[in-house]
Amino acid sequence: MGARSGKEYLVRLQQHSPEFWFGGERVDDCTSHPATAGAATEIARLYDLVRDDDHQENALFPSPLSGDLVSAQFLVPTSRDDLVRRRQMHRLWADATYGLMGRTTDFVGSMLTAWYINADFFGPFADNVRAYFEEVRERDLFLTHALIDPPVDRSKPASKQPDPFTYLGVVRETSDGLVVRGAKMFATAAPYADEILVWPFSLKQPTEEERPYAIAFAVPTDTPGLRFIAREPYGQGNPFDRPLASRFDEMDAVAVFDDVLVPWERVFINQDHELVKNIWRVNSNAFTGHQTSIRLLSKLQFAAGVARRATEMVKTDEFPHVRDAMGEITSYIELTRAAILAAEATAQPNAQGVMIPNVTPLYAVRNSGNRWYPRVREILQQILAGGLLYQPASVTAFDSPIASDVERFFRGPNTSAEERIKLFNVACDLAVHSFGSRHELYERLYAGDPTFLRVMTQFVQYDWSEPLRLVDQLLSTYSAGQVLAELQTARLREAVVGDGDG
């Protein structure tokens, strides 16, 4: 089949729409519902972008299985040039969504690429992993994933919850596969996904009682018994009043599995604590970190561009404190860019000759971006200030008895009211509205607990050899005995000189 067109993506989604709930409303077609249609259209545009003649060379490559052109998110890199090609594909989608869709399928595609490269890790299910990767690549499927258990009682493990199937676990094994029950969060982009990849993520050490919950698998999002309960949607506004939310609200949802059958060929881990506990050895962070850093770069650049354009429009860009604040954003941009390039330049081949990005600089960005982006949003609030609240409530103001007031009082020094309001509505979506608040929370937490992540990756797992070598190098250049001897020699010399003077 190869890379899909946007139309093919939307047709399949219409035919296989997941069971999705907004409050008490069940959504039967995510491509037409006002809360989800905008983002579905944007995702379809992404599929068309990679097929565009201007982008095919970097965004597609011939499948080693079928020879069809498939997405470069599935390219198994054997050279640094291949890593650059993957970067260009990720950047194409990130720029097209202004970094505002954190779970476009190339994120899970990157994770799945790492699983495929290290499929032997999955033991008896290694061939399932390989086959699934190839199926997703050949059919160009859009994937979501869910890892986290519902926060019912964080003090207790899965087996001690009020209901033993509060957390997703195996009810029974059958000849056809596993029957699973429980819930997972957050299935971001679930209404737009063909399939959901599930595996457990927990900081707690598992016990034998937790075996039923140590599973990993994938199923179609329209599988019987699977439903999604969504948060409040932000995407129902029009593109003038809500220029970002109306197009890029990728949606977050809790995935509920009500005795869902997972076919054996879609099982990747079956009640195996050791595999779940050590899944980090697959090093999927090297590939997902590459993708998320590229997306963050686009998002930071977009925020910086909004800040520059908005301050130019109202002539505050000449103030030193405003320039300093925007300079802070561009510093984050260049540090992110440098980490991406460093990860590629210092990549190393594994035993099979697959080029693995250096995860160390990518970890540094992941552990900084979760602090940088909230700061960027704060900067937008500080430098745009009351201008963020200085917009009419609706585009309908331009077609009303107050239209002349709007044209008179909402203009800029050199711009019309429409131009000014249009730009500041973008800034409001980022800095003030619910859509922007969700993005701040997302950047803080999408990779996990920020404190734990930094402790583990920047301290516990960090390679301290170079910092400690420099300290040891200095300490090796002197000792107490050596210094005392030198002082004694100096005193003797002073004494001899003193005797000579006498």
Protein backbone atom coordinates (compact mmCIF):
# COMPACT_ATOMS: atom_id res chain seq x y z
CA MET A 1 0.00 0.00 0.00
CA GLY A 2 2.71 2.52 0.96
CA ALA A 3 2.24 6.11 2.09
CA ARG A 4 -1.43 7.08 2.30
CA SER A 5 -3.04 10.22 0.95
CA GLY A 6 -5.01 12.48 3.24
CA LYS A 7 -8.24 11.36 1.62
CA GLU A 8 -7.39 7.69 2.20
CA TYR A 9 -6.64 8.46 5.84
CA LEU A 10 -9.97 10.24 6.37
CA VAL A 11 -12.00 7.56 4.58
CA ARG A 12 -10.53 4.82 6.75
CA LEU A 13 -11.10 6.88 9.89
CA GLN A 14 -14.74 7.38 8.91
CA GLN A 15 -15.14 3.65 8.37
CA HIS A 16 -13.31 2.68 11.57
CA SER A 17 -14.03 5.56 13.92
CA PRO A 18 -13.32 4.65 17.56
CA GLU A 19 -16.01 4.77 20.24
CA PHE A 20 -15.37 8.24 21.58
CA TRP A 21 -17.22 10.14 24.31
CA PHE A 22 -17.46 13.86 25.08
CA GLY A 23 -19.32 13.80 28.37
CA GLY A 24 -22.56 11.97 27.64
CA GLU A 25 -22.25 12.41 23.88
CA ARG A 26 -20.98 9.51 21.82
CA VAL A 27 -19.10 10.55 18.69
CA ASP A 28 -19.60 8.23 15.75
CA ASP A 29 -17.50 10.10 13.21
CA CYS A 30 -14.44 11.99 14.40
CA THR A 31 -13.87 13.46 10.94
CA SER A 32 -17.07 15.51 11.04
CA HIS A 33 -17.69 16.33 14.73
CA PRO A 34 -17.01 20.04 15.43
CA ALA A 35 -14.60 19.19 18.27
CA THR A 36 -12.39 16.89 16.19
CA ALA A 37 -12.91 17.69 12.52
CA GLY A 38 -10.31 20.48 12.47
CA ALA A 39 -7.45 18.32 13.75
CA ALA A 40 -8.51 15.39 11.53
CA THR A 41 -8.24 17.71 8.53
CA GLU A 42 -4.79 18.85 9.64
CA ILE A 43 -3.58 15.26 10.01
CA ALA A 44 -4.89 14.47 6.54
CA ARG A 45 -2.83 17.43 5.31
CA LEU A 46 0.27 15.89 6.91
CA TYR A 47 -0.28 12.69 4.99
CA ASP A 48 -0.53 14.69 1.76
CA LEU A 49 2.61 16.68 2.59
CA VAL A 50 4.91 13.65 2.57
CA ARG A 51 3.56 12.66 -0.85
CA ASP A 52 4.08 16.12 -2.28
CA ASP A 53 6.70 16.24 -5.05
CA ASP A 54 8.70 18.83 -3.10
CA HIS A 55 9.04 16.57 -0.05
CA GLN A 56 9.02 12.97 -1.27
CA GLU A 57 12.81 12.74 -1.54
CA ASN A 58 13.26 13.35 2.18
CA ALA A 59 9.95 12.16 3.62
CA LEU A 60 9.59 8.80 1.82
CA PHE A 61 11.79 5.82 1.03
CA PRO A 62 11.27 2.47 -0.74
CA SER A 63 10.01 -0.23 1.61
CA PRO A 64 12.49 -3.12 1.95
CA LEU A 65 9.46 -5.45 1.98
CA SER A 66 7.23 -4.22 -0.83
CA GLY A 67 9.23 -1.60 -2.68
CA ASP A 68 6.37 0.90 -2.20
CA LEU A 69 7.26 4.38 -0.98
CA VAL A 70 6.72 4.53 2.78
CA SER A 71 7.19 7.20 5.46
CA ALA A 72 10.72 8.01 6.59
CA GLN A 73 9.53 7.80 10.20
CA PHE A 74 10.06 4.05 9.68
CA LEU A 75 13.50 4.34 8.12
CA VAL A 76 15.94 2.14 10.04
CA PRO A 77 19.06 4.32 9.89
CA THR A 78 22.39 2.82 8.91
CA SER A 79 24.19 6.14 8.47
CA ARG A 80 24.13 9.68 9.78
CA ASP A 81 22.58 10.72 6.48
CA ASP A 82 19.65 8.46 7.35
CA LEU A 83 19.27 10.26 10.68
CA VAL A 84 19.21 13.57 8.82
CA ARG A 85 16.51 12.14 6.57
CA ARG A 86 14.45 11.13 9.58
CA ARG A 87 14.95 14.62 11.00
CA GLN A 88 13.71 16.24 7.81
CA MET A 89 10.55 14.13 7.86
CA HIS A 90 9.87 14.99 11.52
CA ARG A 91 10.58 18.66 10.82
CA LEU A 92 8.17 18.70 7.89
CA TRP A 93 5.29 17.63 10.14
CA ALA A 94 6.42 19.72 13.11
CA ASP A 95 6.57 22.92 11.07
CA ALA A 96 3.22 22.15 9.43
CA THR A 97 1.60 21.97 12.89
CA TYR A 98 3.82 24.66 14.49
CA GLY A 99 4.98 22.07 17.02
CA LEU A 100 1.47 22.04 18.51
CA MET A 101 0.61 18.40 17.86
CA GLY A 102 2.87 16.49 20.21
CA ARG A 103 1.50 13.08 19.33
CA THR A 104 1.47 12.98 15.58
CA THR A 105 2.03 9.36 14.66
CA ASP A 106 5.73 9.83 13.94
CA PHE A 107 6.23 9.90 17.72
CA VAL A 108 4.87 6.37 18.20
CA GLY A 109 6.43 5.42 14.87
CA SER A 110 9.81 6.40 16.33
CA MET A 111 9.13 4.28 19.41
CA LEU A 112 8.10 1.35 17.26
CA THR A 113 11.24 1.72 15.14
CA ALA A 114 13.35 1.25 18.28
CA TRP A 115 11.26 -1.79 19.24
CA TYR A 116 11.83 -3.27 15.79
CA ILE A 117 15.58 -2.67 15.92
CA ASN A 118 15.71 -4.40 19.33
CA ALA A 119 12.96 -6.95 18.73
CA ASP A 120 14.98 -9.77 20.30
CA PHE A 121 14.39 -8.08 23.67
CA PHE A 122 10.77 -9.24 23.51
CA GLY A 123 11.79 -12.91 23.59
CA PRO A 124 9.00 -15.23 22.44
CA PHE A 125 7.09 -12.26 20.99
CA ALA A 126 10.00 -10.81 18.99
CA ASP A 127 8.48 -11.85 15.67
CA ASN A 128 5.20 -10.20 16.67
CA VAL A 129 7.04 -6.91 17.15
CA ARG A 130 8.77 -7.23 13.78
CA ALA A 131 5.56 -8.12 11.99
CA TYR A 132 3.62 -5.30 13.61
CA PHE A 133 6.26 -2.72 12.71
CA GLU A 134 6.13 -3.86 9.10
CA GLU A 135 2.33 -3.81 9.06
CA VAL A 136 2.20 -0.25 10.41
CA ARG A 137 4.88 0.86 7.95
CA GLU A 138 3.25 -0.76 4.91
CA ARG A 139 -0.28 0.44 5.76
CA ASP A 140 0.94 3.86 6.98
CA LEU A 141 -1.24 3.63 10.08
CA PHE A 142 -1.74 6.45 12.56
CA LEU A 143 -0.92 5.26 16.10
CA THR A 144 -1.68 6.53 19.55
CA HIS A 145 -0.40 4.98 22.76
CA ALA A 146 -1.32 4.79 26.45
CA LEU A 147 1.08 3.98 29.28
CA ILE A 148 -0.10 5.47 32.57
CA ASP A 149 -2.49 3.95 35.10
CA PRO A 150 -5.51 5.95 36.29
CA PRO A 151 -4.68 8.03 39.42
CA VAL A 152 -7.27 6.35 41.62
CA ASP A 153 -4.92 5.59 44.53
CA ARG A 154 -1.26 6.29 43.82
CA SER A 155 -0.23 4.85 47.19
CA LYS A 156 -1.27 1.31 46.20
CA PRO A 157 -0.13 -1.04 43.44
CA ALA A 158 -2.48 -2.33 40.76
CA SER A 159 -3.49 -5.45 42.67
CA LYS A 160 -4.50 -3.41 45.76
CA GLN A 161 -6.82 -0.94 44.01
CA PRO A 162 -10.51 -0.94 45.03
CA ASP A 163 -11.23 -2.85 41.84
CA PRO A 164 -8.44 -5.23 40.74
CA PHE A 165 -9.12 -4.17 37.15
CA THR A 166 -8.91 -0.45 37.77
CA TYR A 167 -5.53 -0.75 36.09
CA LEU A 168 -5.36 -2.60 32.79
CA GLY A 169 -4.66 -6.29 33.29
CA VAL A 170 -5.23 -9.77 31.93
CA VAL A 171 -8.56 -11.33 32.85
CA ARG A 172 -7.81 -14.64 31.15
CA GLU A 173 -5.92 -16.29 28.34
CA THR A 174 -7.78 -17.96 25.48
CA SER A 175 -6.77 -19.83 22.36
CA ASP A 176 -7.39 -16.61 20.43
CA GLY A 177 -5.44 -14.28 22.69
CA LEU A 178 -5.55 -12.26 25.91
CA VAL A 179 -8.73 -10.81 27.34
CA VAL A 180 -7.87 -7.53 29.08
CA ARG A 181 -9.85 -5.21 31.33
CA GLY A 182 -9.17 -1.83 32.95
CA ALA A 183 -8.05 1.63 31.86
CA LYS A 184 -5.01 3.56 30.69
CA MET A 185 -4.28 7.27 30.31
CA PHE A 186 -3.52 9.38 28.32
CA ALA A 187 -4.37 8.28 24.81
CA THR A 188 -3.46 11.56 23.17
CA ALA A 189 -4.73 11.87 19.57
CA ALA A 190 -6.96 8.81 20.09
CA PRO A 191 -9.89 10.09 17.97
CA TYR A 192 -7.58 10.29 14.97
CA ALA A 193 -5.76 6.98 15.43
CA ASP A 194 -6.09 3.69 13.59
CA GLU A 195 -4.43 1.70 16.37
CA ILE A 196 -3.39 2.03 20.00
CA LEU A 197 -0.12 0.70 21.41
CA VAL A 198 -0.31 -0.12 25.13
CA TRP A 199 2.34 -0.93 27.69
CA PRO A 200 2.73 -0.17 31.40
CA PHE A 201 4.89 2.62 32.76
CA SER A 202 5.41 2.69 36.52
CA LEU A 203 8.15 3.72 38.92
CA LYS A 204 7.12 1.07 41.45
CA GLN A 205 8.94 -2.26 41.70
CA PRO A 206 6.51 -4.99 40.60
CA THR A 207 5.66 -8.05 42.70
CA GLU A 208 4.29 -11.42 41.68
CA GLU A 209 0.79 -10.13 42.38
CA GLU A 210 1.30 -7.54 39.65
CA ARG A 211 1.94 -10.08 36.88
CA PRO A 212 -1.45 -9.62 35.16
CA TYR A 213 -0.63 -5.97 34.55
CA ALA A 214 2.79 -6.56 32.95
CA ILE A 215 1.59 -6.59 29.36
CA ALA A 216 2.22 -4.83 26.05
CA PHE A 217 0.10 -5.08 22.93
CA ALA A 218 -1.58 -3.19 20.08
CA VAL A 219 -5.17 -3.26 18.82
CA PRO A 220 -7.28 -1.19 16.40
CA THR A 221 -9.02 1.73 18.10
CA ASP A 222 -12.41 0.44 16.93
CA THR A 223 -11.94 -2.94 18.64
CA PRO A 224 -15.15 -4.09 20.38
CA GLY A 225 -15.09 -3.26 24.09
CA LEU A 226 -12.62 -0.38 23.69
CA ARG A 227 -13.88 3.15 24.29
CA PHE A 228 -12.31 6.53 24.92
CA ILE A 229 -13.49 9.14 27.44
CA ALA A 230 -12.23 12.57 26.39
CA ARG A 231 -11.42 15.74 28.28
CA GLU A 232 -13.14 19.00 27.44
CA PRO A 233 -12.53 19.80 23.77
CA TYR A 234 -10.90 23.10 22.81
CA GLY A 235 -11.31 22.77 19.07
CA GLN A 236 -14.90 23.83 18.49
CA GLY A 237 -14.26 27.51 17.79
CA ASN A 238 -13.80 29.17 14.41
CA PRO A 239 -10.31 29.69 12.92
CA PHE A 240 -10.38 33.47 13.38
CA ASP A 241 -11.28 33.54 17.08
CA ARG A 242 -9.38 30.33 17.93
CA PRO A 243 -6.77 30.04 15.17
CA LEU A 244 -4.75 27.30 16.89
CA ALA A 245 -7.27 25.41 19.00
CA SER A 246 -9.71 25.05 16.10
CA ARG A 247 -7.07 23.21 14.04
CA PHE A 248 -4.56 21.57 16.37
CA ASP A 249 -6.42 20.29 19.43
CA GLU A 250 -5.15 16.72 19.27
CA MET A 251 -7.32 15.67 22.24
CA ASP A 252 -6.47 13.56 25.30
CA ALA A 253 -8.56 10.65 26.51
CA VAL A 254 -8.72 7.75 28.94
CA ALA A 255 -8.81 4.39 27.16
CA VAL A 256 -11.24 1.94 28.77
CA PHE A 257 -10.87 -1.76 27.94
CA ASP A 258 -14.03 -3.71 28.71
CA ASP A 259 -12.95 -7.34 28.24
CA VAL A 260 -11.13 -6.58 25.00
CA LEU A 261 -9.67 -9.52 23.09
CA VAL A 262 -6.04 -8.99 22.07
CA PRO A 263 -5.07 -11.53 19.38
CA TRP A 264 -1.88 -13.46 20.13
CA GLU A 265 -0.14 -11.96 17.11
CA ARG A 266 -0.66 -8.50 18.65
CA VAL A 267 0.81 -9.44 22.06
CA PHE A 268 4.35 -8.15 22.69
CA ILE A 269 4.73 -8.81 26.43
CA ASN A 270 2.56 -11.26 28.35
CA GLN A 271 2.66 -10.91 32.14
CA ASP A 272 6.44 -10.64 32.30
CA HIS A 273 7.79 -8.29 34.97
CA GLU A 274 11.39 -8.49 33.87
CA LEU A 275 10.60 -7.32 30.36
CA VAL A 276 8.40 -4.48 31.58
CA LYS A 277 10.94 -3.41 34.19
CA ASN A 278 13.78 -3.40 31.66
CA ILE A 279 11.99 -2.10 28.58
CA TRP A 280 14.17 1.01 28.82
CA ARG A 281 16.99 -1.15 27.41
CA VAL A 282 15.24 -0.96 24.05
CA ASN A 283 16.42 2.69 24.07
CA SER A 284 13.34 4.03 22.35
CA ASN A 285 14.21 7.40 23.90
CA ALA A 286 16.98 7.78 21.34
CA PHE A 287 14.38 7.91 18.57
CA THR A 288 11.41 9.48 20.38
CA GLY A 289 13.79 12.04 21.92
CA HIS A 290 14.99 12.90 18.41
CA GLN A 291 11.39 13.45 17.24
CA THR A 292 10.25 15.40 20.32
CA SER A 293 13.29 17.67 20.24
CA ILE A 294 12.63 18.47 16.59
CA ARG A 295 9.00 19.22 17.40
CA LEU A 296 10.04 21.42 20.35
CA LEU A 297 12.35 23.35 18.06
CA SER A 298 9.43 24.19 15.77
CA LYS A 299 7.23 25.12 18.72
CA LEU A 300 9.83 27.44 20.24
CA GLN A 301 10.49 29.08 16.89
CA PHE A 302 6.77 29.63 16.37
CA ALA A 303 6.38 31.19 19.83
CA ALA A 304 9.39 33.43 19.18
CA GLY A 305 7.92 34.51 15.84
CA VAL A 306 4.58 35.36 17.44
CA ALA A 307 6.37 37.40 20.12
CA ARG A 308 8.43 39.29 17.55
CA ARG A 309 5.53 40.05 15.21
CA ALA A 310 3.19 41.10 18.02
CA THR A 311 5.70 43.43 19.68
CA GLU A 312 6.65 44.94 16.31
CA MET A 313 2.97 45.58 15.61
CA VAL A 314 2.51 47.68 18.74
CA LYS A 315 6.04 49.14 18.75
CA THR A 316 7.21 47.58 22.01
CA ASP A 317 9.98 45.61 20.32
CA GLU A 318 12.28 48.63 20.83
CA PHE A 319 12.21 48.32 24.63
CA PRO A 320 15.38 46.67 26.06
CA HIS A 321 13.49 44.41 28.51
CA VAL A 322 11.28 43.14 25.68
CA ARG A 323 14.30 42.39 23.51
CA ASP A 324 15.98 40.66 26.42
CA ALA A 325 12.93 38.45 26.96
CA MET A 326 12.75 37.50 23.29
CA GLY A 327 16.47 36.82 23.36
CA GLU A 328 15.81 34.31 26.12
CA ILE A 329 13.45 32.43 23.81
CA THR A 330 15.98 32.37 20.96
CA SER A 331 18.58 31.00 23.40
CA TYR A 332 16.30 28.02 24.02
CA ILE A 333 15.87 27.62 20.27
CA GLU A 334 19.58 27.38 19.62
CA LEU A 335 20.26 25.05 22.55
CA THR A 336 17.57 22.72 21.20
CA ARG A 337 18.96 22.87 17.69
CA ALA A 338 22.47 22.15 18.98
CA ALA A 339 21.27 19.09 20.90
CA ILE A 340 19.56 17.64 17.81
CA LEU A 341 22.67 18.11 15.69
CA ALA A 342 24.90 16.73 18.44
CA ALA A 343 22.70 13.64 18.78
CA GLU A 344 23.11 12.97 15.06
CA ALA A 345 26.80 13.87 14.81
CA THR A 346 27.78 11.63 17.73
CA ALA A 347 25.44 8.75 16.85
CA GLN A 348 27.01 5.29 16.98
CA PRO A 349 26.11 2.05 15.19
CA ASN A 350 24.88 -0.88 17.24
CA ALA A 351 26.07 -4.45 16.74
CA GLN A 352 23.81 -4.80 13.67
CA GLY A 353 25.08 -1.59 12.09
CA VAL A 354 21.98 0.47 12.91
CA MET A 355 22.86 4.09 13.65
CA ILE A 356 21.46 5.08 17.06
CA PRO A 357 21.17 8.79 17.93
CA ASN A 358 23.15 9.81 20.99
CA VAL A 359 20.46 10.03 23.63
CA THR A 360 22.50 12.15 26.08
CA PRO A 361 21.96 15.58 24.45
CA LEU A 362 18.34 14.60 23.74
CA TYR A 363 17.81 13.84 27.42
CA ALA A 364 19.24 17.27 28.23
CA VAL A 365 16.64 18.92 25.99
CA ARG A 366 13.82 16.77 27.35
CA ASN A 367 14.83 17.71 30.90
CA SER A 368 15.08 21.39 30.01
CA GLY A 369 12.19 21.84 27.58
CA ASN A 370 9.74 20.91 30.33
CA ARG A 371 10.95 24.03 32.13
CA TRP A 372 11.67 26.22 29.12
CA TYR A 373 8.24 26.09 27.52
CA PRO A 374 6.32 27.25 30.63
CA ARG A 375 8.83 30.08 30.83
CA VAL A 376 8.23 30.96 27.15
CA ARG A 377 4.50 31.14 27.81
CA GLU A 378 5.19 33.39 30.79
CA ILE A 379 7.32 35.64 28.58
CA LEU A 380 4.46 35.99 26.10
CA GLN A 381 2.17 37.03 28.95
CA GLN A 382 4.70 39.54 30.27
CA ILE A 383 5.71 41.26 27.05
CA LEU A 384 2.25 41.26 25.41
CA ALA A 385 0.57 42.05 28.73
CA GLY A 386 -2.92 43.60 28.50
CA GLY A 387 -2.82 43.32 24.73
CA LEU A 388 -3.68 39.65 25.19
CA LEU A 389 -7.06 40.66 26.63
CA TYR A 390 -7.70 43.48 24.18
CA GLN A 391 -9.66 41.50 21.60
CA PRO A 392 -13.35 41.53 20.71
CA ALA A 393 -15.10 38.37 21.86
CA SER A 394 -15.88 37.23 18.32
CA VAL A 395 -15.18 37.83 14.65
CA THR A 396 -18.86 38.80 14.38
CA ALA A 397 -17.89 42.20 15.78
CA PHE A 398 -16.74 43.10 12.26
CA ASP A 399 -20.30 42.61 11.05
CA SER A 400 -22.22 44.46 13.75
CA PRO A 401 -23.25 47.97 14.86
CA ILE A 402 -19.90 48.33 16.65
CA ALA A 403 -17.80 47.55 13.57
CA SER A 404 -16.62 51.15 13.25
CA ASP A 405 -15.50 51.16 16.88
CA VAL A 406 -13.52 47.99 16.29
CA GLU A 407 -11.86 49.43 13.20
CA ARG A 408 -10.97 52.61 15.09
CA PHE A 409 -9.77 51.36 18.45
CA PHE A 410 -8.31 47.92 17.75
CA ARG A 411 -5.94 48.87 14.94
CA GLY A 412 -2.16 49.08 15.26
CA PRO A 413 0.07 52.04 14.32
CA ASN A 414 0.54 50.65 10.82
CA THR A 415 -2.00 47.83 10.65
CA SER A 416 -5.73 47.43 10.37
CA ALA A 417 -7.88 46.19 13.24
CA GLU A 418 -8.34 42.87 11.47
CA GLU A 419 -4.59 42.34 11.09
CA ARG A 420 -3.93 43.21 14.72
CA ILE A 421 -6.74 41.09 16.15
CA LYS A 422 -5.84 38.18 13.90
CA LEU A 423 -2.28 38.07 15.21
CA PHE A 424 -3.15 38.67 18.84
CA ASN A 425 -5.76 35.91 18.72
CA VAL A 426 -2.89 33.54 17.86
CA ALA A 427 -0.95 34.88 20.83
CA CYS A 428 -4.01 34.46 23.06
CA ASP A 429 -4.41 30.83 22.03
CA LEU A 430 -0.81 30.24 23.13
CA ALA A 431 -0.60 32.42 26.23
CA VAL A 432 -4.08 32.76 27.72
CA HIS A 433 -6.71 30.31 26.53
CA SER A 434 -7.34 26.74 27.69
CA PHE A 435 -5.58 25.38 24.62
CA GLY A 436 -2.37 27.14 25.66
CA SER A 437 -2.70 26.00 29.27
CA ARG A 438 -3.03 22.40 28.14
CA HIS A 439 0.17 22.81 26.11
CA GLU A 440 2.06 24.14 29.11
CA LEU A 441 0.95 21.13 31.15
CA TYR A 442 1.77 18.82 28.25
CA GLU A 443 5.34 20.09 27.89
CA ARG A 444 5.87 19.83 31.64
CA LEU A 445 4.71 16.23 31.93
CA TYR A 446 4.50 14.39 28.59
CA ALA A 447 7.75 12.50 29.21
CA GLY A 448 7.02 11.71 32.85
CA ASP A 449 7.69 13.23 36.25
CA PRO A 450 10.20 16.07 35.63
CA THR A 451 12.09 15.59 38.90
CA PHE A 452 12.42 11.83 38.49
CA LEU A 453 13.50 12.22 34.86
CA ARG A 454 16.24 14.68 35.67
CA VAL A 455 17.47 12.68 38.67
CA MET A 456 17.65 9.48 36.63
CA THR A 457 19.00 10.76 33.32
CA GLN A 458 21.09 13.74 34.41
CA PHE A 459 22.46 12.20 37.61
CA VAL A 460 22.04 8.45 38.11
CA GLN A 461 22.58 7.40 34.48
CA TYR A 462 24.78 10.32 33.50
CA ASP A 463 28.36 9.65 32.43
CA TRP A 464 30.34 11.45 35.12
CA SER A 465 33.74 10.31 33.80
CA GLU A 466 34.74 13.60 32.17
CA PRO A 467 33.70 15.96 35.00
CA LEU A 468 35.36 13.70 37.57
CA ARG A 469 38.47 13.28 35.39
CA LEU A 470 38.99 17.03 35.39
CA VAL A 471 38.68 17.19 39.18
CA ASP A 472 41.02 14.22 39.62
CA GLN A 473 43.44 15.77 37.12
CA LEU A 474 43.68 18.90 39.25
CA LEU A 475 43.93 17.04 42.55
CA SER A 476 46.73 14.89 41.17
CA THR A 477 48.95 17.94 40.62
CA TYR A 478 49.63 18.55 44.32
CA SER A 479 49.61 16.95 47.77
CA ALA A 480 50.01 18.09 51.34
CA GLY A 481 53.48 16.53 51.58
CA GLN A 482 54.58 18.13 48.35
CA VAL A 483 53.35 21.57 49.41
CA LEU A 484 54.91 21.23 52.87
CA ALA A 485 58.24 20.26 51.31
CA GLU A 486 58.08 23.27 49.00
CA LEU A 487 57.27 25.54 51.94
CA GLN A 488 60.19 24.06 53.93
CA THR A 489 62.52 24.63 50.99
CA ALA A 490 61.32 28.21 50.68
CA ARG A 491 61.92 28.85 54.38
CA LEU A 492 65.44 27.44 54.15
CA ARG A 493 66.17 29.69 51.21
CA GLU A 494 64.91 32.71 53.13
CA ALA A 495 67.09 31.72 56.08
CA VAL A 496 70.19 31.41 53.91
CA VAL A 497 69.50 34.77 52.30
CA GLY A 498 68.97 36.29 55.73
CA ASP A 499 72.29 34.91 57.02
CA GLY A 500 74.08 36.32 54.00
CA ASP A 501 72.66 39.75 54.67
CA GLY A 502 73.99 39.59 58.20
